[in-house]
Amino acid sequence: MQNVAGPSFLADCPTRLAVEIISDKWAVLVIYGLSGGPRRHGELVDVIGGISRKVLTQTLRRLQRYGLVDRHAEAPRRVEYRLTDLGRTLVEPIEVLTVWARDNGEAITAFQETAEGHRQ
């Protein structure tokens, strides 16, 4: 695969949109949280540690606007969220990043600790 930077630097490049989506840590966690199947809002709050209900709602709405998440209401108080076909295409890349993080997390932490020690 050739790595050509050209078009990705253009303002209307799809690469920028993809980076915008995945650079939001909550979006990635919500997508991964939905990768096992539909979930209700409260279930996602429980699965995704540290996210507030408000931020989750905002994230779900943004992912809906991108066409990655679908909101399914069976009754007024029975709403589930699920990945669309397009949303499911992001699960594998997120899994690859997860493996990378597991494999390299200790090295990054060690580097940060060393760099912090040099600054003091």
C-alpha atoms as a PDB file:
ATOM      1  CA  MET A   1       0.000   0.000   0.000  1.00  0.00           C
ATOM      2  CA  GLN A   2       1.347   3.389  -0.965  1.00  0.00           C
ATOM      3  CA  ASN A   3       1.188   6.143   1.632  1.00  0.00           C
ATOM      4  CA  VAL A   4       0.434   9.340  -0.264  1.00  0.00           C
ATOM      5  CA  ALA A   5      -0.359  12.383   1.862  1.00  0.00           C
ATOM      6  CA  GLY A   6      -1.630  14.644  -0.914  1.00  0.00           C
ATOM      7  CA  PRO A   7      -5.447  14.537  -1.004  1.00  0.00           C
ATOM      8  CA  SER A   8      -5.850  13.885   2.742  1.00  0.00           C
ATOM      9  CA  PHE A   9      -4.632  17.407   3.394  1.00  0.00           C
ATOM     10  CA  LEU A  10      -7.525  18.897   1.430  1.00  0.00           C
ATOM     11  CA  ALA A  11     -10.353  20.336   3.515  1.00  0.00           C
ATOM     12  CA  ASP A  12     -13.055  18.226   1.877  1.00  0.00           C
ATOM     13  CA  CYS A  13     -11.148  14.926   1.987  1.00  0.00           C
ATOM     14  CA  PRO A  14     -13.061  11.956   3.463  1.00  0.00           C
ATOM     15  CA  THR A  15      -9.957  11.136   5.494  1.00  0.00           C
ATOM     16  CA  ARG A  16     -10.519  14.256   7.569  1.00  0.00           C
ATOM     17  CA  LEU A  17     -14.078  13.197   8.295  1.00  0.00           C
ATOM     18  CA  ALA A  18     -12.882   9.764   9.403  1.00  0.00           C
ATOM     19  CA  VAL A  19     -10.254  11.309  11.673  1.00  0.00           C
ATOM     20  CA  GLU A  20     -12.862  13.688  13.088  1.00  0.00           C
ATOM     21  CA  ILE A  21     -15.085  10.735  13.968  1.00  0.00           C
ATOM     22  CA  ILE A  22     -12.441   8.512  15.543  1.00  0.00           C
ATOM     23  CA  SER A  23     -10.572  11.316  17.316  1.00  0.00           C
ATOM     24  CA  ASP A  24     -13.522  11.634  19.694  1.00  0.00           C
ATOM     25  CA  LYS A  25     -12.714   9.094  22.399  1.00  0.00           C
ATOM     26  CA  TRP A  26     -16.362   8.747  23.352  1.00  0.00           C
ATOM     27  CA  ALA A  27     -17.399   7.970  19.772  1.00  0.00           C
ATOM     28  CA  VAL A  28     -14.902   5.128  19.558  1.00  0.00           C
ATOM     29  CA  LEU A  29     -16.017   3.747  22.923  1.00  0.00           C
ATOM     30  CA  VAL A  30     -19.712   4.001  21.999  1.00  0.00           C
ATOM     31  CA  ILE A  31     -19.121   2.234  18.693  1.00  0.00           C
ATOM     32  CA  TYR A  32     -17.193  -0.492  20.461  1.00  0.00           C
ATOM     33  CA  GLY A  33     -19.861  -0.670  23.182  1.00  0.00           C
ATOM     34  CA  LEU A  34     -22.481  -1.298  20.505  1.00  0.00           C
ATOM     35  CA  SER A  35     -20.363  -3.839  18.628  1.00  0.00           C
ATOM     36  CA  GLY A  36     -21.884  -6.730  20.578  1.00  0.00           C
ATOM     37  CA  GLY A  37     -25.429  -5.757  19.673  1.00  0.00           C
ATOM     38  CA  PRO A  38     -28.138  -3.237  20.521  1.00  0.00           C
ATOM     39  CA  ARG A  39     -28.049  -1.525  23.895  1.00  0.00           C
ATOM     40  CA  ARG A  40     -30.182   0.878  25.824  1.00  0.00           C
ATOM     41  CA  HIS A  41     -28.855   4.253  26.973  1.00  0.00           C
ATOM     42  CA  GLY A  42     -28.422   3.149  30.581  1.00  0.00           C
ATOM     43  CA  GLU A  43     -26.591  -0.009  29.520  1.00  0.00           C
ATOM     44  CA  LEU A  44     -24.106   2.080  27.544  1.00  0.00           C
ATOM     45  CA  VAL A  45     -23.526   4.337  30.550  1.00  0.00           C
ATOM     46  CA  ASP A  46     -22.729   1.232  32.611  1.00  0.00           C
ATOM     47  CA  VAL A  47     -20.458  -0.286  29.940  1.00  0.00           C
ATOM     48  CA  ILE A  48     -18.539   2.915  29.174  1.00  0.00           C
ATOM     49  CA  GLY A  49     -16.864   3.988  32.373  1.00  0.00           C
ATOM     50  CA  GLY A  50     -16.686   7.717  33.010  1.00  0.00           C
ATOM     51  CA  ILE A  51     -19.177   8.946  30.420  1.00  0.00           C
ATOM     52  CA  SER A  52     -22.015  11.138  31.610  1.00  0.00           C
ATOM     53  CA  ARG A  53     -25.558  10.656  30.356  1.00  0.00           C
ATOM     54  CA  LYS A  54     -25.446  14.057  28.670  1.00  0.00           C
ATOM     55  CA  VAL A  55     -22.193  13.351  26.819  1.00  0.00           C
ATOM     56  CA  LEU A  56     -23.477   9.917  25.806  1.00  0.00           C
ATOM     57  CA  THR A  57     -26.639  11.463  24.370  1.00  0.00           C
ATOM     58  CA  GLN A  58     -24.596  14.046  22.442  1.00  0.00           C
ATOM     59  CA  THR A  59     -22.255  11.343  21.136  1.00  0.00           C
ATOM     60  CA  LEU A  60     -25.104   9.074  20.055  1.00  0.00           C
ATOM     61  CA  ARG A  61     -26.779  11.944  18.201  1.00  0.00           C
ATOM     62  CA  ARG A  62     -23.529  12.832  16.430  1.00  0.00           C
ATOM     63  CA  LEU A  63     -22.994   9.200  15.426  1.00  0.00           C
ATOM     64  CA  GLN A  64     -26.573   9.086  14.131  1.00  0.00           C
ATOM     65  CA  ARG A  65     -25.865  12.149  11.961  1.00  0.00           C
ATOM     66  CA  TYR A  66     -22.853  10.335  10.507  1.00  0.00           C
ATOM     67  CA  GLY A  67     -25.026   7.306   9.748  1.00  0.00           C
ATOM     68  CA  LEU A  68     -23.091   5.038  12.111  1.00  0.00           C
ATOM     69  CA  VAL A  69     -25.728   4.471  14.799  1.00  0.00           C
ATOM     70  CA  ASP A  70     -29.454   3.867  14.559  1.00  0.00           C
ATOM     71  CA  ARG A  71     -31.947   4.750  17.272  1.00  0.00           C
ATOM     72  CA  HIS A  72     -34.781   2.247  17.558  1.00  0.00           C
ATOM     73  CA  ALA A  73     -37.785   3.100  19.733  1.00  0.00           C
ATOM     74  CA  GLU A  74     -40.219   0.282  20.476  1.00  0.00           C
ATOM     75  CA  ALA A  75     -42.112   2.385  22.992  1.00  0.00           C
ATOM     76  CA  PRO A  76     -41.512   5.848  24.454  1.00  0.00           C
ATOM     77  CA  ARG A  77     -39.430   4.424  27.281  1.00  0.00           C
ATOM     78  CA  ARG A  78     -37.908   1.513  25.357  1.00  0.00           C
ATOM     79  CA  VAL A  79     -35.182   2.942  23.119  1.00  0.00           C
ATOM     80  CA  GLU A  80     -32.225   0.963  21.865  1.00  0.00           C
ATOM     81  CA  TYR A  81     -29.199   2.017  19.892  1.00  0.00           C
ATOM     82  CA  ARG A  82     -27.457  -0.200  17.382  1.00  0.00           C
ATOM     83  CA  LEU A  83     -24.719   0.095  14.825  1.00  0.00           C
ATOM     84  CA  THR A  84     -25.733   0.525  11.217  1.00  0.00           C
ATOM     85  CA  ASP A  85     -23.998  -1.496   8.511  1.00  0.00           C
ATOM     86  CA  LEU A  86     -21.678   1.485   8.033  1.00  0.00           C
ATOM     87  CA  GLY A  87     -21.019   1.688  11.782  1.00  0.00           C
ATOM     88  CA  ARG A  88     -20.091  -1.996  11.889  1.00  0.00           C
ATOM     89  CA  THR A  89     -17.309  -1.309   9.371  1.00  0.00           C
ATOM     90  CA  LEU A  90     -15.468   0.591  12.132  1.00  0.00           C
ATOM     91  CA  VAL A  91     -15.438  -2.289  14.617  1.00  0.00           C
ATOM     92  CA  GLU A  92     -12.447  -4.082  13.070  1.00  0.00           C
ATOM     93  CA  PRO A  93     -10.242  -0.948  12.902  1.00  0.00           C
ATOM     94  CA  ILE A  94     -11.139  -0.167  16.519  1.00  0.00           C
ATOM     95  CA  GLU A  95     -10.204  -3.720  17.502  1.00  0.00           C
ATOM     96  CA  VAL A  96      -6.844  -3.272  15.742  1.00  0.00           C
ATOM     97  CA  LEU A  97      -6.234  -0.062  17.719  1.00  0.00           C
ATOM     98  CA  THR A  98      -7.221  -1.884  20.913  1.00  0.00           C
ATOM     99  CA  VAL A  99      -4.639  -4.598  20.256  1.00  0.00           C
ATOM    100  CA  TRP A 100      -2.039  -1.929  19.481  1.00  0.00           C
ATOM    101  CA  ALA A 101      -2.853  -0.163  22.772  1.00  0.00           C
ATOM    102  CA  ARG A 102      -2.545  -3.391  24.746  1.00  0.00           C
ATOM    103  CA  ASP A 103       0.752  -4.261  23.048  1.00  0.00           C
ATOM    104  CA  ASN A 104       2.286  -0.793  23.439  1.00  0.00           C
ATOM    105  CA  GLY A 105       0.591   0.745  26.465  1.00  0.00           C
ATOM    106  CA  GLU A 106       3.404  -0.116  28.870  1.00  0.00           C
ATOM    107  CA  ALA A 107       6.046   1.302  26.517  1.00  0.00           C
ATOM    108  CA  ILE A 108       4.122   4.561  26.183  1.00  0.00           C
ATOM    109  CA  THR A 109       3.666   4.834  29.939  1.00  0.00           C
ATOM    110  CA  ALA A 110       7.363   4.116  30.528  1.00  0.00           C
ATOM    111  CA  PHE A 111       8.342   6.772  27.984  1.00  0.00           C
ATOM    112  CA  GLN A 112       6.038   9.331  29.613  1.00  0.00           C
ATOM    113  CA  GLU A 113       7.452   8.581  33.055  1.00  0.00           C
ATOM    114  CA  THR A 114      11.018   8.907  31.737  1.00  0.00           C
ATOM    115  CA  ALA A 115      10.229  12.151  29.946  1.00  0.00           C
ATOM    116  CA  GLU A 116       8.538  13.539  33.042  1.00  0.00           C
ATOM    117  CA  GLY A 117      11.608  12.618  35.100  1.00  0.00           C
ATOM    118  CA  HIS A 118      13.858  14.546  32.712  1.00  0.00           C
ATOM    119  CA  ARG A 119      11.690  17.665  32.969  1.00  0.00           C
ATOM    120  CA  GLN A 120      11.878  17.863  36.734  1.00  0.00           C
END
